[in-house]
Amino acid sequence: MLRFDNGYSQTINVMIERYDSSCQPTPWHRTGWWVISPGSSAVAYGGDLAALNRYWYWYAFAVDNTQWSGPFPENVPESEFDWCPDVAASPSINIGMRELDVNGASSVTLRLVL
């Protein structure tokens, strides 16, 4: 299970990218946006993380423009989405995702704080 806890003072929005062999031409599936109020949490994936893939990617931003970003670029829509990378939407935003190495863990909780 991949869960996000909002330990920040503002509402946050989260997206993930996970391995999915049925996605073509690239086997990665993107899903977002979970809207998480301060003190709340959301499960972004309910299965066994390590059984699916060792590496996962995620990005989050708060309503005050604080970001939890990384060096892995992606283009995602501003509205909710659940798709393989051969889909596009307008308007979209360019983000930088963080990599999560689950290193054999079946479940991970990420607590987003500053």
PDB file of N, CA and C in Angstrom:
ATOM      1  N   MET A   1       0.845  -1.180   0.000  1.00  0.00           N
ATOM      2  CA  MET A   1       0.000   0.000   0.000  1.00  0.00           C
ATOM      3  C   MET A   1       0.891   1.244   0.000  1.00  0.00           C
ATOM      4  N   LEU A   2       0.520   2.224  -0.787  1.00  0.00           N
ATOM      5  CA  LEU A   2       1.212   3.513  -0.793  1.00  0.00           C
ATOM      6  C   LEU A   2       0.239   4.557  -0.261  1.00  0.00           C
ATOM      7  N   ARG A   3       0.582   5.106   0.893  1.00  0.00           N
ATOM      8  CA  ARG A   3      -0.287   6.085   1.548  1.00  0.00           C
ATOM      9  C   ARG A   3       0.464   7.385   1.730  1.00  0.00           C
ATOM     10  N   PHE A   4      -0.248   8.487   1.568  1.00  0.00           N
ATOM     11  CA  PHE A   4       0.291   9.818   1.808  1.00  0.00           C
ATOM     12  C   PHE A   4      -0.429  10.431   2.991  1.00  0.00           C
ATOM     13  N   ASP A   5       0.328  10.891   3.982  1.00  0.00           N
ATOM     14  CA  ASP A   5      -0.203  11.617   5.132  1.00  0.00           C
ATOM     15  C   ASP A   5       0.134  13.090   4.964  1.00  0.00           C
ATOM     16  N   ASN A   6      -0.847  13.943   5.149  1.00  0.00           N
ATOM     17  CA  ASN A   6      -0.612  15.380   5.056  1.00  0.00           C
ATOM     18  C   ASN A   6      -0.264  15.927   6.438  1.00  0.00           C
ATOM     19  N   GLY A   7       1.029  16.144   6.664  1.00  0.00           N
ATOM     20  CA  GLY A   7       1.499  16.754   7.897  1.00  0.00           C
ATOM     21  C   GLY A   7       1.784  18.228   7.727  1.00  0.00           C
ATOM     22  N   TYR A   8       1.313  18.785   6.628  1.00  0.00           N
ATOM     23  CA  TYR A   8       1.525  20.190   6.301  1.00  0.00           C
ATOM     24  C   TYR A   8       0.285  20.993   6.702  1.00  0.00           C
ATOM     25  N   SER A   9       0.424  22.300   6.794  1.00  0.00           N
ATOM     26  CA  SER A   9      -0.673  23.154   7.267  1.00  0.00           C
ATOM     27  C   SER A   9      -1.701  23.500   6.189  1.00  0.00           C
ATOM     28  N   GLN A  10      -1.449  23.110   4.940  1.00  0.00           N
ATOM     29  CA  GLN A  10      -2.348  23.428   3.829  1.00  0.00           C
ATOM     30  C   GLN A  10      -2.786  22.139   3.131  1.00  0.00           C
ATOM     31  N   THR A  11      -3.856  22.218   2.368  1.00  0.00           N
ATOM     32  CA  THR A  11      -4.303  21.093   1.550  1.00  0.00           C
ATOM     33  C   THR A  11      -3.255  20.799   0.490  1.00  0.00           C
ATOM     34  N   ILE A  12      -2.983  19.506   0.273  1.00  0.00           N
ATOM     35  CA  ILE A  12      -2.026  19.109  -0.747  1.00  0.00           C
ATOM     36  C   ILE A  12      -2.706  18.261  -1.818  1.00  0.00           C
ATOM     37  N   ASN A  13      -2.092  18.238  -2.992  1.00  0.00           N
ATOM     38  CA  ASN A  13      -2.539  17.439  -4.129  1.00  0.00           C
ATOM     39  C   ASN A  13      -1.397  16.510  -4.504  1.00  0.00           C
ATOM     40  N   VAL A  14      -1.694  15.228  -4.707  1.00  0.00           N
ATOM     41  CA  VAL A  14      -0.660  14.220  -4.952  1.00  0.00           C
ATOM     42  C   VAL A  14      -0.978  13.434  -6.213  1.00  0.00           C
ATOM     43  N   MET A  15       0.091  13.088  -6.975  1.00  0.00           N
ATOM     44  CA  MET A  15      -0.025  12.164  -8.099  1.00  0.00           C
ATOM     45  C   MET A  15       1.070  11.122  -7.977  1.00  0.00           C
ATOM     46  N   ILE A  16       0.846   9.942  -8.589  1.00  0.00           N
ATOM     47  CA  ILE A  16       1.857   8.890  -8.603  1.00  0.00           C
ATOM     48  C   ILE A  16       2.039   8.364 -10.022  1.00  0.00           C
ATOM     49  N   GLU A  17       3.176   7.726 -10.240  1.00  0.00           N
ATOM     50  CA  GLU A  17       3.424   6.988 -11.471  1.00  0.00           C
ATOM     51  C   GLU A  17       3.960   5.626 -11.058  1.00  0.00           C
ATOM     52  N   ARG A  18       3.357   4.562 -11.589  1.00  0.00           N
ATOM     53  CA  ARG A  18       3.726   3.200 -11.203  1.00  0.00           C
ATOM     54  C   ARG A  18       3.904   2.338 -12.442  1.00  0.00           C
ATOM     55  N   TYR A  19       4.663   1.264 -12.288  1.00  0.00           N
ATOM     56  CA  TYR A  19       4.877   0.320 -13.374  1.00  0.00           C
ATOM     57  C   TYR A  19       3.573  -0.370 -13.732  1.00  0.00           C
ATOM     58  N   ASP A  20       3.316  -0.501 -15.045  1.00  0.00           N
ATOM     59  CA  ASP A  20       2.126  -1.189 -15.538  1.00  0.00           C
ATOM     60  C   ASP A  20       2.458  -1.747 -16.919  1.00  0.00           C
ATOM     61  N   SER A  21       2.694  -3.046 -17.009  1.00  0.00           N
ATOM     62  CA  SER A  21       3.117  -3.670 -18.271  1.00  0.00           C
ATOM     63  C   SER A  21       2.082  -3.548 -19.377  1.00  0.00           C
ATOM     64  N   SER A  22       0.826  -3.276 -19.032  1.00  0.00           N
ATOM     65  CA  SER A  22      -0.201  -3.135 -20.069  1.00  0.00           C
ATOM     66  C   SER A  22      -0.151  -1.768 -20.754  1.00  0.00           C
ATOM     67  N   CYS A  23       0.563  -0.816 -20.185  1.00  0.00           N
ATOM     68  CA  CYS A  23       0.710   0.499 -20.819  1.00  0.00           C
ATOM     69  C   CYS A  23       1.750   0.402 -21.933  1.00  0.00           C
ATOM     70  N   GLN A  24       1.421   0.930 -23.082  1.00  0.00           N
ATOM     71  CA  GLN A  24       2.328   0.916 -24.232  1.00  0.00           C
ATOM     72  C   GLN A  24       2.352   2.296 -24.869  1.00  0.00           C
ATOM     73  N   PRO A  25       3.448   2.768 -25.376  1.00  0.00           N
ATOM     74  CA  PRO A  25       4.704   2.051 -25.594  1.00  0.00           C
ATOM     75  C   PRO A  25       5.621   2.035 -24.363  1.00  0.00           C
ATOM     76  N   THR A  26       5.275   2.777 -23.329  1.00  0.00           N
ATOM     77  CA  THR A  26       6.079   2.832 -22.109  1.00  0.00           C
ATOM     78  C   THR A  26       5.256   2.255 -20.962  1.00  0.00           C
ATOM     79  N   PRO A  27       5.806   1.321 -20.173  1.00  0.00           N
ATOM     80  CA  PRO A  27       5.006   0.631 -19.152  1.00  0.00           C
ATOM     81  C   PRO A  27       4.851   1.388 -17.835  1.00  0.00           C
ATOM     82  N   TRP A  28       4.353   2.615 -17.905  1.00  0.00           N
ATOM     83  CA  TRP A  28       4.159   3.411 -16.693  1.00  0.00           C
ATOM     84  C   TRP A  28       2.763   4.012 -16.702  1.00  0.00           C
ATOM     85  N   HIS A  29       2.107   3.925 -15.574  1.00  0.00           N
ATOM     86  CA  HIS A  29       0.729   4.389 -15.408  1.00  0.00           C
ATOM     87  C   HIS A  29       0.720   5.575 -14.435  1.00  0.00           C
ATOM     88  N   ARG A  30       0.074   6.660 -14.818  1.00  0.00           N
ATOM     89  CA  ARG A  30      -0.005   7.862 -13.986  1.00  0.00           C
ATOM     90  C   ARG A  30      -1.420   8.044 -13.461  1.00  0.00           C
ATOM     91  N   THR A  31      -1.499   8.451 -12.193  1.00  0.00           N
ATOM     92  CA  THR A  31      -2.792   8.690 -11.564  1.00  0.00           C
ATOM     93  C   THR A  31      -2.688   9.892 -10.629  1.00  0.00           C
ATOM     94  N   GLY A  32      -3.670  10.755 -10.640  1.00  0.00           N
ATOM     95  CA  GLY A  32      -3.715  11.903  -9.738  1.00  0.00           C
ATOM     96  C   GLY A  32      -5.066  12.585  -9.872  1.00  0.00           C
ATOM     97  N   TRP A  33      -5.467  13.408  -9.186  1.00  0.00           N
ATOM     98  CA  TRP A  33      -4.911  14.065  -8.041  1.00  0.00           C
ATOM     99  C   TRP A  33      -5.684  13.659  -6.809  1.00  0.00           C
ATOM    100  N   TRP A  34      -4.979  13.197  -5.809  1.00  0.00           N
ATOM    101  CA  TRP A  34      -5.592  13.013  -4.508  1.00  0.00           C
ATOM    102  C   TRP A  34      -5.493  14.346  -3.785  1.00  0.00           C
ATOM    103  N   VAL A  35      -6.601  14.831  -3.278  1.00  0.00           N
ATOM    104  CA  VAL A  35      -6.649  16.097  -2.543  1.00  0.00           C
ATOM    105  C   VAL A  35      -6.744  15.732  -1.067  1.00  0.00           C
ATOM    106  N   ILE A  36      -5.703  16.131  -0.298  1.00  0.00           N
ATOM    107  CA  ILE A  36      -5.592  15.684   1.086  1.00  0.00           C
ATOM    108  C   ILE A  36      -5.547  16.891   2.026  1.00  0.00           C
ATOM    109  N   SER A  37      -6.528  16.988   2.873  1.00  0.00           N
ATOM    110  CA  SER A  37      -6.605  18.082   3.847  1.00  0.00           C
ATOM    111  C   SER A  37      -5.540  17.916   4.924  1.00  0.00           C
ATOM    112  N   PRO A  38      -5.171  19.017   5.597  1.00  0.00           N
ATOM    113  CA  PRO A  38      -4.197  18.911   6.697  1.00  0.00           C
ATOM    114  C   PRO A  38      -4.661  17.893   7.744  1.00  0.00           C
ATOM    115  N   GLY A  39      -3.737  17.022   8.157  1.00  0.00           N
ATOM    116  CA  GLY A  39      -4.051  16.010   9.148  1.00  0.00           C
ATOM    117  C   GLY A  39      -4.725  14.766   8.600  1.00  0.00           C
ATOM    118  N   SER A  40      -5.031  14.749   7.313  1.00  0.00           N
ATOM    119  CA  SER A  40      -5.694  13.597   6.693  1.00  0.00           C
ATOM    120  C   SER A  40      -4.695  12.779   5.883  1.00  0.00           C
ATOM    121  N   SER A  41      -5.172  11.656   5.355  1.00  0.00           N
ATOM    122  CA  SER A  41      -4.325  10.818   4.518  1.00  0.00           C
ATOM    123  C   SER A  41      -5.141  10.242   3.371  1.00  0.00           C
ATOM    124  N   ALA A  42      -4.415   9.700   2.367  1.00  0.00           N
ATOM    125  CA  ALA A  42      -5.061   9.057   1.225  1.00  0.00           C
ATOM    126  C   ALA A  42      -4.202   7.886   0.774  1.00  0.00           C
ATOM    127  N   VAL A  43      -4.867   6.800   0.403  1.00  0.00           N
ATOM    128  CA  VAL A  43      -4.174   5.638  -0.151  1.00  0.00           C
ATOM    129  C   VAL A  43      -4.146   5.801  -1.667  1.00  0.00           C
ATOM    130  N   ALA A  44      -2.933   5.904  -2.228  1.00  0.00           N
ATOM    131  CA  ALA A  44      -2.775   6.080  -3.668  1.00  0.00           C
ATOM    132  C   ALA A  44      -2.691   4.741  -4.400  1.00  0.00           C
ATOM    133  N   TYR A  45      -2.286   3.700  -3.681  1.00  0.00           N
ATOM    134  CA  TYR A  45      -2.231   2.353  -4.261  1.00  0.00           C
ATOM    135  C   TYR A  45      -2.458   1.365  -3.129  1.00  0.00           C
ATOM    136  N   GLY A  46      -3.390   0.447  -3.310  1.00  0.00           N
ATOM    137  CA  GLY A  46      -3.760  -0.454  -2.232  1.00  0.00           C
ATOM    138  C   GLY A  46      -3.091  -1.809  -2.229  1.00  0.00           C
ATOM    139  N   GLY A  47      -2.296  -2.108  -3.257  1.00  0.00           N
ATOM    140  CA  GLY A  47      -1.672  -3.420  -3.349  1.00  0.00           C
ATOM    141  C   GLY A  47      -0.272  -3.464  -2.756  1.00  0.00           C
ATOM    142  N   ASP A  48       0.399  -4.584  -2.988  1.00  0.00           N
ATOM    143  CA  ASP A  48       1.771  -4.827  -2.538  1.00  0.00           C
ATOM    144  C   ASP A  48       2.732  -4.067  -3.439  1.00  0.00           C
ATOM    145  N   LEU A  49       3.417  -3.075  -2.912  1.00  0.00           N
ATOM    146  CA  LEU A  49       4.294  -2.224  -3.715  1.00  0.00           C
ATOM    147  C   LEU A  49       5.438  -3.003  -4.344  1.00  0.00           C
ATOM    148  N   ALA A  50       6.163  -3.780  -3.539  1.00  0.00           N
ATOM    149  CA  ALA A  50       7.338  -4.497  -4.040  1.00  0.00           C
ATOM    150  C   ALA A  50       6.968  -5.555  -5.064  1.00  0.00           C
ATOM    151  N   ALA A  51       5.789  -6.122  -4.955  1.00  0.00           N
ATOM    152  CA  ALA A  51       5.357  -7.130  -5.922  1.00  0.00           C
ATOM    153  C   ALA A  51       5.147  -6.524  -7.305  1.00  0.00           C
ATOM    154  N   LEU A  52       4.847  -5.233  -7.352  1.00  0.00           N
ATOM    155  CA  LEU A  52       4.614  -4.567  -8.632  1.00  0.00           C
ATOM    156  C   LEU A  52       5.915  -4.030  -9.222  1.00  0.00           C
ATOM    157  N   ASN A  53       6.691  -3.319  -8.426  1.00  0.00           N
ATOM    158  CA  ASN A  53       7.955  -2.763  -8.911  1.00  0.00           C
ATOM    159  C   ASN A  53       8.718  -2.155  -7.739  1.00  0.00           C
ATOM    160  N   ARG A  54      10.016  -2.126  -7.840  1.00  0.00           N
ATOM    161  CA  ARG A  54      10.835  -1.537  -6.779  1.00  0.00           C
ATOM    162  C   ARG A  54      10.741  -0.014  -6.778  1.00  0.00           C
ATOM    163  N   TYR A  55      10.619   0.594  -7.947  1.00  0.00           N
ATOM    164  CA  TYR A  55      10.641   2.054  -8.050  1.00  0.00           C
ATOM    165  C   TYR A  55       9.255   2.608  -8.385  1.00  0.00           C
ATOM    166  N   TRP A  56       8.892   3.621  -7.656  1.00  0.00           N
ATOM    167  CA  TRP A  56       7.650   4.355  -7.833  1.00  0.00           C
ATOM    168  C   TRP A  56       8.011   5.832  -7.938  1.00  0.00           C
ATOM    169  N   TYR A  57       7.112   6.631  -8.498  1.00  0.00           N
ATOM    170  CA  TYR A  57       7.371   8.068  -8.647  1.00  0.00           C
ATOM    171  C   TYR A  57       6.153   8.836  -8.147  1.00  0.00           C
ATOM    172  N   TRP A  58       6.418  10.016  -7.597  1.00  0.00           N
ATOM    173  CA  TRP A  58       5.323  10.808  -7.052  1.00  0.00           C
ATOM    174  C   TRP A  58       5.693  12.294  -7.061  1.00  0.00           C
ATOM    175  N   TYR A  59       4.655  13.095  -6.947  1.00  0.00           N
ATOM    176  CA  TYR A  59       4.793  14.553  -6.901  1.00  0.00           C
ATOM    177  C   TYR A  59       3.631  15.085  -6.080  1.00  0.00           C
ATOM    178  N   ALA A  60       3.880  16.146  -5.332  1.00  0.00           N
ATOM    179  CA  ALA A  60       2.809  16.780  -4.560  1.00  0.00           C
ATOM    180  C   ALA A  60       3.008  18.286  -4.540  1.00  0.00           C
ATOM    181  N   PHE A  61       1.905  18.999  -4.441  1.00  0.00           N
ATOM    182  CA  PHE A  61       1.951  20.449  -4.254  1.00  0.00           C
ATOM    183  C   PHE A  61       0.826  20.863  -3.321  1.00  0.00           C
ATOM    184  N   ALA A  62       1.073  21.936  -2.601  1.00  0.00           N
ATOM    185  CA  ALA A  62       0.069  22.474  -1.682  1.00  0.00           C
ATOM    186  C   ALA A  62      -0.623  23.674  -2.327  1.00  0.00           C
ATOM    187  N   VAL A  63      -1.765  24.038  -1.760  1.00  0.00           N
ATOM    188  CA  VAL A  63      -2.523  25.166  -2.302  1.00  0.00           C
ATOM    189  C   VAL A  63      -1.769  26.489  -2.161  1.00  0.00           C
ATOM    190  N   ASP A  64      -0.742  26.535  -1.301  1.00  0.00           N
ATOM    191  CA  ASP A  64       0.071  27.752  -1.174  1.00  0.00           C
ATOM    192  C   ASP A  64       1.299  27.716  -2.095  1.00  0.00           C
ATOM    193  N   ASN A  65       1.308  26.784  -3.057  1.00  0.00           N
ATOM    194  CA  ASN A  65       2.368  26.602  -4.060  1.00  0.00           C
ATOM    195  C   ASN A  65       3.634  25.927  -3.537  1.00  0.00           C
ATOM    196  N   THR A  66       3.642  25.429  -2.304  1.00  0.00           N
ATOM    197  CA  THR A  66       4.744  24.599  -1.833  1.00  0.00           C
ATOM    198  C   THR A  66       4.731  23.309  -2.641  1.00  0.00           C
ATOM    199  N   GLN A  67       5.913  22.829  -3.040  1.00  0.00           N
ATOM    200  CA  GLN A  67       6.009  21.620  -3.851  1.00  0.00           C
ATOM    201  C   GLN A  67       6.943  20.596  -3.225  1.00  0.00           C
ATOM    202  N   TRP A  68       6.610  19.336  -3.417  1.00  0.00           N
ATOM    203  CA  TRP A  68       7.488  18.210  -3.117  1.00  0.00           C
ATOM    204  C   TRP A  68       7.817  17.633  -4.477  1.00  0.00           C
ATOM    205  N   SER A  69       8.908  18.100  -5.066  1.00  0.00           N
ATOM    206  CA  SER A  69       9.233  17.728  -6.439  1.00  0.00           C
ATOM    207  C   SER A  69      10.624  17.123  -6.510  1.00  0.00           C
ATOM    208  N   GLY A  70      10.941  16.568  -7.673  1.00  0.00           N
ATOM    209  CA  GLY A  70      12.224  15.932  -7.884  1.00  0.00           C
ATOM    210  C   GLY A  70      12.690  16.093  -9.321  1.00  0.00           C
ATOM    211  N   PRO A  71      13.709  15.317  -9.710  1.00  0.00           N
ATOM    212  CA  PRO A  71      14.361  15.508 -11.004  1.00  0.00           C
ATOM    213  C   PRO A  71      13.759  14.727 -12.171  1.00  0.00           C
ATOM    214  N   PHE A  72      12.627  14.057 -11.971  1.00  0.00           N
ATOM    215  CA  PHE A  72      12.065  13.228 -13.033  1.00  0.00           C
ATOM    216  C   PHE A  72      10.883  13.954 -13.678  1.00  0.00           C
ATOM    217  N   PRO A  73      11.081  14.508 -14.891  1.00  0.00           N
ATOM    218  CA  PRO A  73      10.056  15.341 -15.518  1.00  0.00           C
ATOM    219  C   PRO A  73       8.862  14.542 -16.021  1.00  0.00           C
ATOM    220  N   GLU A  74       7.723  15.177 -15.946  1.00  0.00           N
ATOM    221  CA  GLU A  74       6.490  14.586 -16.457  1.00  0.00           C
ATOM    222  C   GLU A  74       5.537  15.714 -16.810  1.00  0.00           C
ATOM    223  N   ASN A  75       4.622  15.432 -17.715  1.00  0.00           N
ATOM    224  CA  ASN A  75       3.597  16.377 -18.119  1.00  0.00           C
ATOM    225  C   ASN A  75       2.260  15.759 -17.723  1.00  0.00           C
ATOM    226  N   VAL A  76       1.509  16.434 -16.872  1.00  0.00           N
ATOM    227  CA  VAL A  76       0.244  15.893 -16.360  1.00  0.00           C
ATOM    228  C   VAL A  76      -0.858  16.949 -16.445  1.00  0.00           C
ATOM    229  N   PRO A  77      -2.106  16.507 -16.503  1.00  0.00           N
ATOM    230  CA  PRO A  77      -3.211  17.467 -16.555  1.00  0.00           C
ATOM    231  C   PRO A  77      -3.453  18.130 -15.205  1.00  0.00           C
ATOM    232  N   GLU A  78      -4.125  19.244 -15.244  1.00  0.00           N
ATOM    233  CA  GLU A  78      -4.485  19.959 -14.022  1.00  0.00           C
ATOM    234  C   GLU A  78      -5.672  19.303 -13.322  1.00  0.00           C
ATOM    235  N   SER A  79      -6.476  18.545 -14.068  1.00  0.00           N
ATOM    236  CA  SER A  79      -7.649  17.868 -13.494  1.00  0.00           C
ATOM    237  C   SER A  79      -7.310  16.409 -13.199  1.00  0.00           C
ATOM    238  N   GLU A  80      -8.229  15.692 -12.553  1.00  0.00           N
ATOM    239  CA  GLU A  80      -8.010  14.286 -12.206  1.00  0.00           C
ATOM    240  C   GLU A  80      -7.684  13.472 -13.454  1.00  0.00           C
ATOM    241  N   PHE A  81      -6.819  12.456 -13.288  1.00  0.00           N
ATOM    242  CA  PHE A  81      -6.434  11.601 -14.408  1.00  0.00           C
ATOM    243  C   PHE A  81      -6.046  10.220 -13.900  1.00  0.00           C
ATOM    244  N   ASP A  82      -6.116   9.240 -14.800  1.00  0.00           N
ATOM    245  CA  ASP A  82      -5.759   7.856 -14.509  1.00  0.00           C
ATOM    246  C   ASP A  82      -5.486   7.208 -15.860  1.00  0.00           C
ATOM    247  N   TRP A  83      -4.209   7.208 -16.303  1.00  0.00           N
ATOM    248  CA  TRP A  83      -3.928   6.805 -17.672  1.00  0.00           C
ATOM    249  C   TRP A  83      -2.498   6.341 -17.899  1.00  0.00           C
ATOM    250  N   CYS A  84      -2.301   5.734 -19.063  1.00  0.00           N
ATOM    251  CA  CYS A  84      -0.973   5.386 -19.553  1.00  0.00           C
ATOM    252  C   CYS A  84      -0.380   6.615 -20.241  1.00  0.00           C
ATOM    253  N   PRO A  85       0.949   6.643 -20.456  1.00  0.00           N
ATOM    254  CA  PRO A  85       1.585   7.860 -20.965  1.00  0.00           C
ATOM    255  C   PRO A  85       1.263   8.237 -22.401  1.00  0.00           C
ATOM    256  N   ASP A  86       0.554   7.406 -23.151  1.00  0.00           N
ATOM    257  CA  ASP A  86       0.240   7.777 -24.527  1.00  0.00           C
ATOM    258  C   ASP A  86      -1.017   8.633 -24.621  1.00  0.00           C
ATOM    259  N   VAL A  87      -1.509   9.102 -23.486  1.00  0.00           N
ATOM    260  CA  VAL A  87      -2.676   9.974 -23.426  1.00  0.00           C
ATOM    261  C   VAL A  87      -2.200  11.387 -23.135  1.00  0.00           C
ATOM    262  N   ALA A  88      -2.900  12.366 -23.661  1.00  0.00           N
ATOM    263  CA  ALA A  88      -2.527  13.756 -23.412  1.00  0.00           C
ATOM    264  C   ALA A  88      -3.776  14.553 -23.052  1.00  0.00           C
ATOM    265  N   ALA A  89      -3.547  15.693 -22.412  1.00  0.00           N
ATOM    266  CA  ALA A  89      -4.674  16.544 -22.027  1.00  0.00           C
ATOM    267  C   ALA A  89      -4.240  17.998 -22.080  1.00  0.00           C
ATOM    268  N   SER A  90      -5.222  18.847 -22.188  1.00  0.00           N
ATOM    269  CA  SER A  90      -4.969  20.273 -22.157  1.00  0.00           C
ATOM    270  C   SER A  90      -6.026  20.885 -21.253  1.00  0.00           C
ATOM    271  N   PRO A  91      -5.717  21.771 -20.348  1.00  0.00           N
ATOM    272  CA  PRO A  91      -4.366  22.249 -20.065  1.00  0.00           C
ATOM    273  C   PRO A  91      -3.578  21.232 -19.228  1.00  0.00           C
ATOM    274  N   SER A  92      -2.272  21.301 -19.348  1.00  0.00           N
ATOM    275  CA  SER A  92      -1.416  20.421 -18.572  1.00  0.00           C
ATOM    276  C   SER A  92      -0.281  21.229 -17.957  1.00  0.00           C
ATOM    277  N   ILE A  93       0.414  20.601 -17.011  1.00  0.00           N
ATOM    278  CA  ILE A  93       1.531  21.260 -16.334  1.00  0.00           C
ATOM    279  C   ILE A  93       2.755  20.355 -16.368  1.00  0.00           C
ATOM    280  N   ASN A  94       3.922  20.959 -16.373  1.00  0.00           N
ATOM    281  CA  ASN A  94       5.169  20.217 -16.294  1.00  0.00           C
ATOM    282  C   ASN A  94       5.588  20.145 -14.839  1.00  0.00           C
ATOM    283  N   ILE A  95       5.880  18.930 -14.382  1.00  0.00           N
ATOM    284  CA  ILE A  95       6.270  18.715 -12.997  1.00  0.00           C
ATOM    285  C   ILE A  95       7.579  17.938 -12.947  1.00  0.00           C
ATOM    286  N   GLY A  96       8.158  17.851 -11.788  1.00  0.00           N
ATOM    287  CA  GLY A  96       9.320  17.012 -11.546  1.00  0.00           C
ATOM    288  C   GLY A  96       8.982  16.041 -10.439  1.00  0.00           C
ATOM    289  N   MET A  97       8.947  14.758 -10.759  1.00  0.00           N
ATOM    290  CA  MET A  97       8.569  13.750  -9.773  1.00  0.00           C
ATOM    291  C   MET A  97       9.765  13.322  -8.929  1.00  0.00           C
ATOM    292  N   ARG A  98       9.467  12.819  -7.746  1.00  0.00           N
ATOM    293  CA  ARG A  98      10.460  12.196  -6.871  1.00  0.00           C
ATOM    294  C   ARG A  98      10.407  10.692  -7.071  1.00  0.00           C
ATOM    295  N   GLU A  99      11.546  10.041  -6.898  1.00  0.00           N
ATOM    296  CA  GLU A  99      11.596   8.588  -6.976  1.00  0.00           C
ATOM    297  C   GLU A  99      11.477   7.998  -5.576  1.00  0.00           C
ATOM    298  N   LEU A 100      10.703   6.938  -5.458  1.00  0.00           N
ATOM    299  CA  LEU A 100      10.557   6.210  -4.211  1.00  0.00           C
ATOM    300  C   LEU A 100      11.053   4.790  -4.445  1.00  0.00           C
ATOM    301  N   ASP A 101      12.107   4.399  -3.759  1.00  0.00           N
ATOM    302  CA  ASP A 101      12.632   3.035  -3.819  1.00  0.00           C
ATOM    303  C   ASP A 101      12.028   2.270  -2.650  1.00  0.00           C
ATOM    304  N   VAL A 102      11.091   1.350  -2.933  1.00  0.00           N
ATOM    305  CA  VAL A 102      10.428   0.620  -1.853  1.00  0.00           C
ATOM    306  C   VAL A 102      11.325  -0.496  -1.307  1.00  0.00           C
ATOM    307  N   ASN A 103      12.365  -0.876  -2.039  1.00  0.00           N
ATOM    308  CA  ASN A 103      13.399  -1.806  -1.575  1.00  0.00           C
ATOM    309  C   ASN A 103      12.826  -3.021  -0.838  1.00  0.00           C
ATOM    310  N   GLY A 104      11.817  -3.647  -1.441  1.00  0.00           N
ATOM    311  CA  GLY A 104      11.226  -4.850  -0.866  1.00  0.00           C
ATOM    312  C   GLY A 104      10.044  -4.639   0.058  1.00  0.00           C
ATOM    313  N   ALA A 105       9.721  -3.402   0.392  1.00  0.00           N
ATOM    314  CA  ALA A 105       8.597  -3.123   1.295  1.00  0.00           C
ATOM    315  C   ALA A 105       7.270  -3.290   0.541  1.00  0.00           C
ATOM    316  N   SER A 106       6.328  -3.915   1.198  1.00  0.00           N
ATOM    317  CA  SER A 106       5.014  -4.071   0.585  1.00  0.00           C
ATOM    318  C   SER A 106       4.134  -2.851   0.816  1.00  0.00           C
ATOM    319  N   SER A 107       4.485  -2.054   1.826  1.00  0.00           N
ATOM    320  CA  SER A 107       3.691  -0.889   2.200  1.00  0.00           C
ATOM    321  C   SER A 107       4.606   0.250   2.631  1.00  0.00           C
ATOM    322  N   VAL A 108       4.256   1.465   2.174  1.00  0.00           N
ATOM    323  CA  VAL A 108       5.028   2.667   2.532  1.00  0.00           C
ATOM    324  C   VAL A 108       4.042   3.787   2.802  1.00  0.00           C
ATOM    325  N   THR A 109       4.307   4.551   3.846  1.00  0.00           N
ATOM    326  CA  THR A 109       3.559   5.766   4.127  1.00  0.00           C
ATOM    327  C   THR A 109       4.518   6.941   4.035  1.00  0.00           C
ATOM    328  N   LEU A 110       4.170   7.921   3.202  1.00  0.00           N
ATOM    329  CA  LEU A 110       4.950   9.142   3.073  1.00  0.00           C
ATOM    330  C   LEU A 110       4.209  10.254   3.796  1.00  0.00           C
ATOM    331  N   ARG A 111       4.852  10.838   4.782  1.00  0.00           N
ATOM    332  CA  ARG A 111       4.271  11.958   5.517  1.00  0.00           C
ATOM    333  C   ARG A 111       4.854  13.234   4.953  1.00  0.00           C
ATOM    334  N   LEU A 112       4.012  14.067   4.364  1.00  0.00           N
ATOM    335  CA  LEU A 112       4.472  15.292   3.719  1.00  0.00           C
ATOM    336  C   LEU A 112       4.465  16.445   4.712  1.00  0.00           C
ATOM    337  N   VAL A 113       5.661  16.923   5.002  1.00  0.00           N
ATOM    338  CA  VAL A 113       5.875  18.045   5.899  1.00  0.00           C
ATOM    339  C   VAL A 113       6.969  18.925   5.308  1.00  0.00           C
ATOM    340  N   LEU A 114       7.178  20.073   5.894  1.00  0.00           N
ATOM    341  CA  LEU A 114       8.315  20.928   5.503  1.00  0.00           C
ATOM    342  C   LEU A 114       9.333  20.934   6.600  1.00  0.00           C
TER     343      LEU A 114
END
